[in-house]
Amino acid sequence: MPRFLPWFLLLLALLLLPGPAGRLLLDLLGGLTLTLLLLPLLAGGAALIGWQVMKRRMRTCPSCGMASLGQSVCPACGTLLECDAAGQAPEGGRSWPSDPPEIDARNVTINVQVVDVESSDASASKADPGSSPPS
């Protein structure tokens, strides 16, 4: 590599920097640097907007739970995904029940049965002496 190349570049830089060409070169380098620094943020914003659009178009089958994009029939079970306001599928297709009524948790009683595990294992082994207790 020739020895005069770095001196030539320095001389060229000193000639271009004070004038309009040097200013243009610095503006161009600054713009490229700013773009490279902000590119990950721009890509993240575009990905977030794309994810929101895709999520809005996604439909979940009420019968099997499979998610599909923009289809009117579930690809797994064949259930029609479009329904009218009454919850009935059009053209005699399968329909699903509407949302269950909300239950106020303050007014609900939960019945619990206590079962002794040891006594249930003993009764199972007495009923069938050849079997071993479940593990």
N, C-alpha and C. Protein backbone atom coordinates (compact mmCIF):
# COMPACT_ATOMS: atom_id res chain seq x y z
N MET A 1 0.85 -1.17 0.00
CA MET A 1 0.00 0.00 0.00
C MET A 1 0.89 1.24 0.00
N PRO A 2 0.61 2.17 -0.86
CA PRO A 2 1.47 3.36 -0.94
C PRO A 2 1.38 4.20 0.33
N ARG A 3 2.44 4.87 0.64
CA ARG A 3 2.56 5.66 1.86
C ARG A 3 1.81 6.99 1.77
N PHE A 4 1.56 7.51 0.59
CA PHE A 4 0.97 8.83 0.45
C PHE A 4 -0.56 8.82 0.60
N LEU A 5 -1.21 7.65 0.67
CA LEU A 5 -2.67 7.58 0.72
C LEU A 5 -3.25 8.25 1.97
N PRO A 6 -2.72 8.04 3.19
CA PRO A 6 -3.31 8.74 4.35
C PRO A 6 -3.14 10.25 4.25
N TRP A 7 -1.99 10.72 3.72
CA TRP A 7 -1.79 12.17 3.58
C TRP A 7 -2.75 12.75 2.54
N PHE A 8 -3.01 11.97 1.52
CA PHE A 8 -3.95 12.42 0.49
C PHE A 8 -5.36 12.54 1.07
N LEU A 9 -5.75 11.59 1.90
CA LEU A 9 -7.08 11.64 2.51
C LEU A 9 -7.20 12.81 3.49
N LEU A 10 -6.15 13.07 4.25
CA LEU A 10 -6.17 14.21 5.17
C LEU A 10 -6.26 15.52 4.40
N LEU A 11 -5.49 15.65 3.33
CA LEU A 11 -5.54 16.85 2.50
C LEU A 11 -6.92 17.04 1.86
N LEU A 12 -7.50 15.94 1.41
CA LEU A 12 -8.83 16.01 0.82
C LEU A 12 -9.87 16.41 1.87
N ALA A 13 -9.74 15.88 3.08
CA ALA A 13 -10.67 16.23 4.16
C ALA A 13 -10.53 17.71 4.53
N LEU A 14 -9.32 18.22 4.58
CA LEU A 14 -9.13 19.63 4.92
C LEU A 14 -9.66 20.56 3.83
N LEU A 15 -9.59 20.11 2.60
CA LEU A 15 -10.12 20.93 1.52
C LEU A 15 -11.65 20.92 1.47
N LEU A 16 -12.27 19.80 1.82
CA LEU A 16 -13.71 19.68 1.70
C LEU A 16 -14.48 20.18 2.93
N LEU A 17 -13.91 20.06 4.12
CA LEU A 17 -14.64 20.40 5.34
C LEU A 17 -15.11 21.85 5.42
N PRO A 18 -14.29 22.84 5.12
CA PRO A 18 -14.78 24.21 5.30
C PRO A 18 -15.85 24.61 4.28
N GLY A 19 -15.91 23.99 3.13
CA GLY A 19 -16.83 24.42 2.08
C GLY A 19 -18.16 23.70 2.13
N PRO A 20 -19.02 23.99 1.17
CA PRO A 20 -20.33 23.36 1.11
C PRO A 20 -20.26 21.86 0.86
N ALA A 21 -19.25 21.40 0.14
CA ALA A 21 -19.12 19.96 -0.10
C ALA A 21 -18.79 19.23 1.20
N GLY A 22 -17.95 19.83 2.03
CA GLY A 22 -17.63 19.24 3.32
C GLY A 22 -18.84 19.21 4.24
N ARG A 23 -19.61 20.28 4.23
CA ARG A 23 -20.83 20.34 5.03
C ARG A 23 -21.81 19.26 4.58
N LEU A 24 -21.93 19.07 3.27
CA LEU A 24 -22.82 18.04 2.73
C LEU A 24 -22.35 16.66 3.15
N LEU A 25 -21.03 16.44 3.12
CA LEU A 25 -20.48 15.16 3.52
C LEU A 25 -20.75 14.90 5.00
N LEU A 26 -20.56 15.91 5.85
CA LEU A 26 -20.83 15.75 7.28
C LEU A 26 -22.32 15.52 7.55
N ASP A 27 -23.20 16.21 6.84
CA ASP A 27 -24.63 16.01 7.00
C ASP A 27 -25.04 14.61 6.58
N LEU A 28 -24.45 14.14 5.50
CA LEU A 28 -24.74 12.79 5.02
C LEU A 28 -24.29 11.74 6.03
N LEU A 29 -23.08 11.89 6.57
CA LEU A 29 -22.58 10.95 7.58
C LEU A 29 -23.42 11.01 8.85
N GLY A 30 -23.83 12.20 9.25
CA GLY A 30 -24.67 12.33 10.45
C GLY A 30 -26.03 11.69 10.26
N GLY A 31 -26.61 11.87 9.08
CA GLY A 31 -27.90 11.25 8.79
C GLY A 31 -27.82 9.74 8.77
N LEU A 32 -26.75 9.21 8.16
CA LEU A 32 -26.58 7.75 8.15
C LEU A 32 -26.37 7.20 9.56
N THR A 33 -25.60 7.91 10.37
CA THR A 33 -25.37 7.46 11.74
C THR A 33 -26.67 7.48 12.54
N LEU A 34 -27.43 8.55 12.40
CA LEU A 34 -28.70 8.64 13.11
C LEU A 34 -29.67 7.56 12.67
N THR A 35 -29.69 7.27 11.38
CA THR A 35 -30.55 6.21 10.86
C THR A 35 -30.15 4.85 11.42
N LEU A 36 -28.85 4.58 11.44
CA LEU A 36 -28.40 3.30 11.97
C LEU A 36 -28.69 3.16 13.46
N LEU A 37 -28.65 4.26 14.20
CA LEU A 37 -28.94 4.20 15.63
C LEU A 37 -30.44 4.04 15.90
N LEU A 38 -31.27 4.65 15.06
CA LEU A 38 -32.72 4.60 15.29
C LEU A 38 -33.40 3.44 14.57
N LEU A 39 -32.68 2.72 13.72
CA LEU A 39 -33.27 1.63 12.96
C LEU A 39 -33.88 0.54 13.86
N PRO A 40 -33.24 0.11 14.95
CA PRO A 40 -33.89 -0.89 15.81
C PRO A 40 -35.20 -0.39 16.41
N LEU A 41 -35.26 0.88 16.78
CA LEU A 41 -36.52 1.42 17.32
C LEU A 41 -37.61 1.46 16.25
N LEU A 42 -37.25 1.86 15.04
CA LEU A 42 -38.22 1.88 13.95
C LEU A 42 -38.72 0.48 13.63
N ALA A 43 -37.81 -0.49 13.60
CA ALA A 43 -38.20 -1.88 13.32
C ALA A 43 -39.09 -2.43 14.43
N GLY A 44 -38.79 -2.10 15.67
CA GLY A 44 -39.63 -2.55 16.78
C GLY A 44 -41.03 -1.95 16.72
N GLY A 45 -41.13 -0.68 16.36
CA GLY A 45 -42.44 -0.05 16.22
C GLY A 45 -43.25 -0.67 15.09
N ALA A 46 -42.60 -0.94 13.97
CA ALA A 46 -43.29 -1.58 12.84
C ALA A 46 -43.75 -2.99 13.21
N ALA A 47 -42.92 -3.72 13.95
CA ALA A 47 -43.29 -5.07 14.38
C ALA A 47 -44.47 -5.02 15.36
N LEU A 48 -44.50 -4.04 16.24
CA LEU A 48 -45.61 -3.91 17.19
C LEU A 48 -46.91 -3.61 16.47
N ILE A 49 -46.87 -2.72 15.49
CA ILE A 49 -48.08 -2.40 14.72
C ILE A 49 -48.53 -3.63 13.92
N GLY A 50 -47.60 -4.34 13.32
CA GLY A 50 -47.94 -5.56 12.58
C GLY A 50 -48.55 -6.62 13.46
N TRP A 51 -48.04 -6.78 14.68
CA TRP A 51 -48.58 -7.76 15.62
C TRP A 51 -50.01 -7.40 16.02
N GLN A 52 -50.28 -6.12 16.25
CA GLN A 52 -51.63 -5.70 16.62
C GLN A 52 -52.61 -5.95 15.47
N VAL A 53 -52.20 -5.69 14.24
CA VAL A 53 -53.07 -5.93 13.09
C VAL A 53 -53.34 -7.43 12.95
N MET A 54 -52.31 -8.25 13.09
CA MET A 54 -52.48 -9.69 12.97
C MET A 54 -53.37 -10.24 14.08
N LYS A 55 -53.19 -9.72 15.30
CA LYS A 55 -53.99 -10.19 16.43
C LYS A 55 -55.47 -9.84 16.23
N ARG A 56 -55.75 -8.70 15.60
CA ARG A 56 -57.13 -8.30 15.36
C ARG A 56 -57.79 -9.20 14.33
N ARG A 57 -57.04 -9.72 13.38
CA ARG A 57 -57.60 -10.58 12.33
C ARG A 57 -57.68 -12.05 12.74
N MET A 58 -57.05 -12.42 13.85
CA MET A 58 -57.01 -13.81 14.27
C MET A 58 -58.34 -14.21 14.91
N ARG A 59 -58.85 -15.38 14.54
CA ARG A 59 -60.09 -15.91 15.10
C ARG A 59 -59.80 -17.22 15.81
N THR A 60 -60.44 -17.43 16.95
CA THR A 60 -60.29 -18.66 17.71
C THR A 60 -61.56 -19.48 17.58
N CYS A 61 -61.42 -20.73 17.25
CA CYS A 61 -62.58 -21.61 17.09
C CYS A 61 -63.18 -21.89 18.46
N PRO A 62 -64.50 -21.71 18.63
CA PRO A 62 -65.12 -21.97 19.92
C PRO A 62 -65.24 -23.45 20.23
N SER A 63 -65.14 -24.31 19.23
CA SER A 63 -65.28 -25.74 19.46
C SER A 63 -63.97 -26.40 19.86
N CYS A 64 -62.89 -26.12 19.10
CA CYS A 64 -61.63 -26.81 19.38
C CYS A 64 -60.54 -25.89 19.90
N GLY A 65 -60.70 -24.56 19.76
CA GLY A 65 -59.72 -23.62 20.30
C GLY A 65 -58.57 -23.30 19.37
N MET A 66 -58.59 -23.78 18.14
CA MET A 66 -57.50 -23.49 17.20
C MET A 66 -57.62 -22.07 16.67
N ALA A 67 -56.51 -21.37 16.58
CA ALA A 67 -56.51 -20.00 16.07
C ALA A 67 -56.18 -20.03 14.58
N SER A 68 -56.91 -19.23 13.80
CA SER A 68 -56.66 -19.15 12.37
C SER A 68 -56.80 -17.70 11.93
N LEU A 69 -56.19 -17.37 10.79
CA LEU A 69 -56.22 -16.00 10.28
C LEU A 69 -57.19 -15.88 9.13
N GLY A 70 -58.26 -15.10 9.31
CA GLY A 70 -59.14 -14.71 8.23
C GLY A 70 -59.89 -15.83 7.54
N GLN A 71 -60.14 -16.94 8.20
CA GLN A 71 -60.90 -18.02 7.58
C GLN A 71 -62.29 -18.06 8.18
N SER A 72 -63.27 -18.48 7.38
CA SER A 72 -64.63 -18.55 7.89
C SER A 72 -64.96 -19.93 8.43
N VAL A 73 -64.13 -20.93 8.14
CA VAL A 73 -64.33 -22.29 8.64
C VAL A 73 -63.06 -22.72 9.35
N CYS A 74 -63.21 -23.34 10.51
CA CYS A 74 -62.05 -23.81 11.27
C CYS A 74 -61.34 -24.91 10.47
N PRO A 75 -60.02 -24.79 10.25
CA PRO A 75 -59.31 -25.82 9.47
C PRO A 75 -59.17 -27.14 10.22
N ALA A 76 -59.34 -27.16 11.53
CA ALA A 76 -59.16 -28.39 12.29
C ALA A 76 -60.46 -29.20 12.41
N CYS A 77 -61.58 -28.52 12.77
CA CYS A 77 -62.80 -29.27 13.03
C CYS A 77 -63.95 -28.95 12.09
N GLY A 78 -63.84 -27.90 11.27
CA GLY A 78 -64.87 -27.59 10.31
C GLY A 78 -66.00 -26.72 10.82
N THR A 79 -65.89 -26.20 12.02
CA THR A 79 -66.93 -25.33 12.56
C THR A 79 -66.90 -23.98 11.87
N LEU A 80 -68.11 -23.46 11.55
CA LEU A 80 -68.18 -22.14 10.95
C LEU A 80 -67.83 -21.10 12.00
N LEU A 81 -66.95 -20.19 11.67
CA LEU A 81 -66.49 -19.19 12.63
C LEU A 81 -67.32 -17.93 12.61
N GLU A 82 -68.12 -17.72 11.56
CA GLU A 82 -68.95 -16.53 11.49
C GLU A 82 -70.33 -16.86 12.05
N CYS A 83 -70.89 -15.96 12.82
CA CYS A 83 -72.23 -16.18 13.36
C CYS A 83 -72.96 -14.85 13.41
N ASP A 84 -74.29 -14.93 13.53
CA ASP A 84 -75.08 -13.71 13.62
C ASP A 84 -75.19 -13.25 15.06
N ALA A 85 -76.01 -12.25 15.32
CA ALA A 85 -76.12 -11.68 16.66
C ALA A 85 -76.71 -12.67 17.66
N ALA A 86 -77.54 -13.64 17.20
CA ALA A 86 -78.16 -14.61 18.11
C ALA A 86 -77.24 -15.77 18.44
N GLY A 87 -76.05 -15.82 17.84
CA GLY A 87 -75.12 -16.90 18.11
C GLY A 87 -75.34 -18.11 17.23
N GLN A 88 -76.18 -18.00 16.20
CA GLN A 88 -76.46 -19.10 15.29
C GLN A 88 -75.54 -19.01 14.08
N ALA A 89 -75.03 -20.13 13.67
CA ALA A 89 -74.17 -20.15 12.48
C ALA A 89 -75.04 -20.06 11.24
N PRO A 90 -74.61 -19.37 10.21
CA PRO A 90 -75.42 -19.25 8.99
C PRO A 90 -75.47 -20.56 8.21
N GLU A 91 -76.50 -20.75 7.42
CA GLU A 91 -76.68 -21.88 6.51
C GLU A 91 -76.63 -23.23 7.22
N GLY A 92 -77.17 -23.32 8.39
CA GLY A 92 -77.29 -24.61 9.07
C GLY A 92 -75.99 -25.20 9.57
N GLY A 93 -74.96 -24.43 9.68
CA GLY A 93 -73.69 -24.94 10.20
C GLY A 93 -73.76 -25.13 11.70
N ARG A 94 -72.75 -25.71 12.26
CA ARG A 94 -72.73 -25.90 13.70
C ARG A 94 -72.66 -24.56 14.40
N SER A 95 -73.32 -24.43 15.51
CA SER A 95 -73.29 -23.19 16.26
C SER A 95 -72.74 -23.48 17.65
N TRP A 96 -72.36 -22.46 18.36
CA TRP A 96 -71.83 -22.62 19.70
C TRP A 96 -72.69 -21.79 20.64
N PRO A 97 -72.73 -22.17 21.90
CA PRO A 97 -73.55 -21.41 22.85
C PRO A 97 -72.95 -20.04 23.10
N SER A 98 -73.80 -19.12 23.48
CA SER A 98 -73.30 -17.79 23.80
C SER A 98 -72.51 -17.84 25.10
N ASP A 99 -71.90 -16.74 25.46
CA ASP A 99 -71.08 -16.71 26.67
C ASP A 99 -71.91 -17.08 27.89
N PRO A 100 -71.33 -17.86 28.81
CA PRO A 100 -72.09 -18.23 30.01
C PRO A 100 -72.35 -16.98 30.87
N PRO A 101 -73.42 -16.99 31.61
CA PRO A 101 -73.71 -15.82 32.45
C PRO A 101 -72.64 -15.65 33.53
N GLU A 102 -72.37 -14.42 33.85
CA GLU A 102 -71.39 -14.16 34.89
C GLU A 102 -71.99 -14.47 36.25
N ILE A 103 -71.19 -15.09 37.10
CA ILE A 103 -71.64 -15.47 38.44
C ILE A 103 -70.92 -14.60 39.45
N ASP A 104 -71.70 -14.03 40.36
CA ASP A 104 -71.12 -13.20 41.41
C ASP A 104 -70.47 -14.12 42.44
N ALA A 105 -69.17 -14.00 42.62
CA ALA A 105 -68.43 -14.91 43.51
C ALA A 105 -68.81 -14.73 44.97
N ARG A 106 -69.39 -13.59 45.34
CA ARG A 106 -69.77 -13.38 46.74
C ARG A 106 -70.98 -14.20 47.13
N ASN A 107 -71.81 -14.60 46.17
CA ASN A 107 -73.05 -15.31 46.47
C ASN A 107 -72.98 -16.79 46.14
N VAL A 108 -71.80 -17.34 45.94
CA VAL A 108 -71.66 -18.73 45.54
C VAL A 108 -71.08 -19.54 46.69
N THR A 109 -71.64 -20.74 46.89
CA THR A 109 -71.13 -21.66 47.89
C THR A 109 -70.46 -22.83 47.18
N ILE A 110 -69.27 -23.18 47.61
CA ILE A 110 -68.54 -24.28 47.02
C ILE A 110 -68.60 -25.45 47.99
N ASN A 111 -69.14 -26.58 47.53
CA ASN A 111 -69.21 -27.79 48.35
C ASN A 111 -67.94 -28.60 48.16
N VAL A 112 -67.31 -28.95 49.28
CA VAL A 112 -66.06 -29.70 49.25
C VAL A 112 -66.26 -30.98 50.03
N GLN A 113 -65.84 -32.11 49.44
CA GLN A 113 -65.89 -33.39 50.14
C GLN A 113 -64.47 -33.78 50.52
N VAL A 114 -64.31 -34.13 51.77
CA VAL A 114 -63.01 -34.55 52.26
C VAL A 114 -62.92 -36.06 52.14
N VAL A 115 -61.86 -36.52 51.47
CA VAL A 115 -61.65 -37.95 51.29
C VAL A 115 -60.27 -38.27 51.82
N ASP A 116 -60.20 -39.25 52.71
CA ASP A 116 -58.92 -39.68 53.25
C ASP A 116 -58.23 -40.55 52.21
N VAL A 117 -57.04 -40.17 51.78
CA VAL A 117 -56.34 -40.87 50.71
C VAL A 117 -55.94 -42.26 51.16
N GLU A 118 -55.49 -42.40 52.39
CA GLU A 118 -55.02 -43.71 52.86
C GLU A 118 -56.17 -44.70 52.93
N SER A 119 -57.33 -44.27 53.40
CA SER A 119 -58.45 -45.20 53.49
C SER A 119 -58.98 -45.56 52.11
N SER A 120 -58.93 -44.64 51.15
CA SER A 120 -59.39 -44.97 49.79
C SER A 120 -58.43 -45.95 49.12
N ASP A 121 -57.11 -45.85 49.41
CA ASP A 121 -56.15 -46.81 48.87
C ASP A 121 -56.35 -48.18 49.51
N ALA A 122 -56.64 -48.21 50.81
CA ALA A 122 -56.85 -49.47 51.50
C ALA A 122 -58.12 -50.15 51.00
N SER A 123 -59.18 -49.38 50.76
CA SER A 123 -60.41 -49.99 50.26
C SER A 123 -60.22 -50.49 48.84
N ALA A 124 -59.41 -49.83 48.04
CA ALA A 124 -59.15 -50.28 46.67
C ALA A 124 -58.34 -51.57 46.68
N SER A 125 -57.39 -51.69 47.60
CA SER A 125 -56.58 -52.91 47.65
C SER A 125 -57.37 -54.08 48.21
N LYS A 126 -58.38 -53.81 49.10
CA LYS A 126 -59.23 -54.89 49.61
C LYS A 126 -60.17 -55.39 48.52
N ALA A 127 -60.61 -54.50 47.64
CA ALA A 127 -61.53 -54.90 46.59
C ALA A 127 -60.84 -55.77 45.57
N ASP A 128 -59.60 -55.50 45.23
CA ASP A 128 -58.87 -56.27 44.23
C ASP A 128 -57.48 -56.57 44.80
N PRO A 129 -57.32 -57.73 45.46
CA PRO A 129 -56.03 -58.00 46.12
C PRO A 129 -54.87 -58.16 45.17
N GLY A 130 -55.10 -58.48 43.90
CA GLY A 130 -54.01 -58.68 42.96
C GLY A 130 -53.45 -57.39 42.37
N SER A 131 -54.14 -56.28 42.54
CA SER A 131 -53.68 -55.04 41.92
C SER A 131 -52.85 -54.24 42.90
N SER A 132 -51.95 -53.46 42.39
CA SER A 132 -51.14 -52.60 43.23
C SER A 132 -51.81 -51.21 43.28
N PRO A 133 -51.57 -50.47 44.37
CA PRO A 133 -52.16 -49.12 44.46
C PRO A 133 -51.59 -48.22 43.38
N PRO A 134 -52.40 -47.27 42.92
CA PRO A 134 -51.89 -46.36 41.87
C PRO A 134 -50.75 -45.51 42.38
N SER A 135 -49.82 -45.19 41.46
CA SER A 135 -48.67 -44.39 41.86
C SER A 135 -48.81 -42.97 41.46
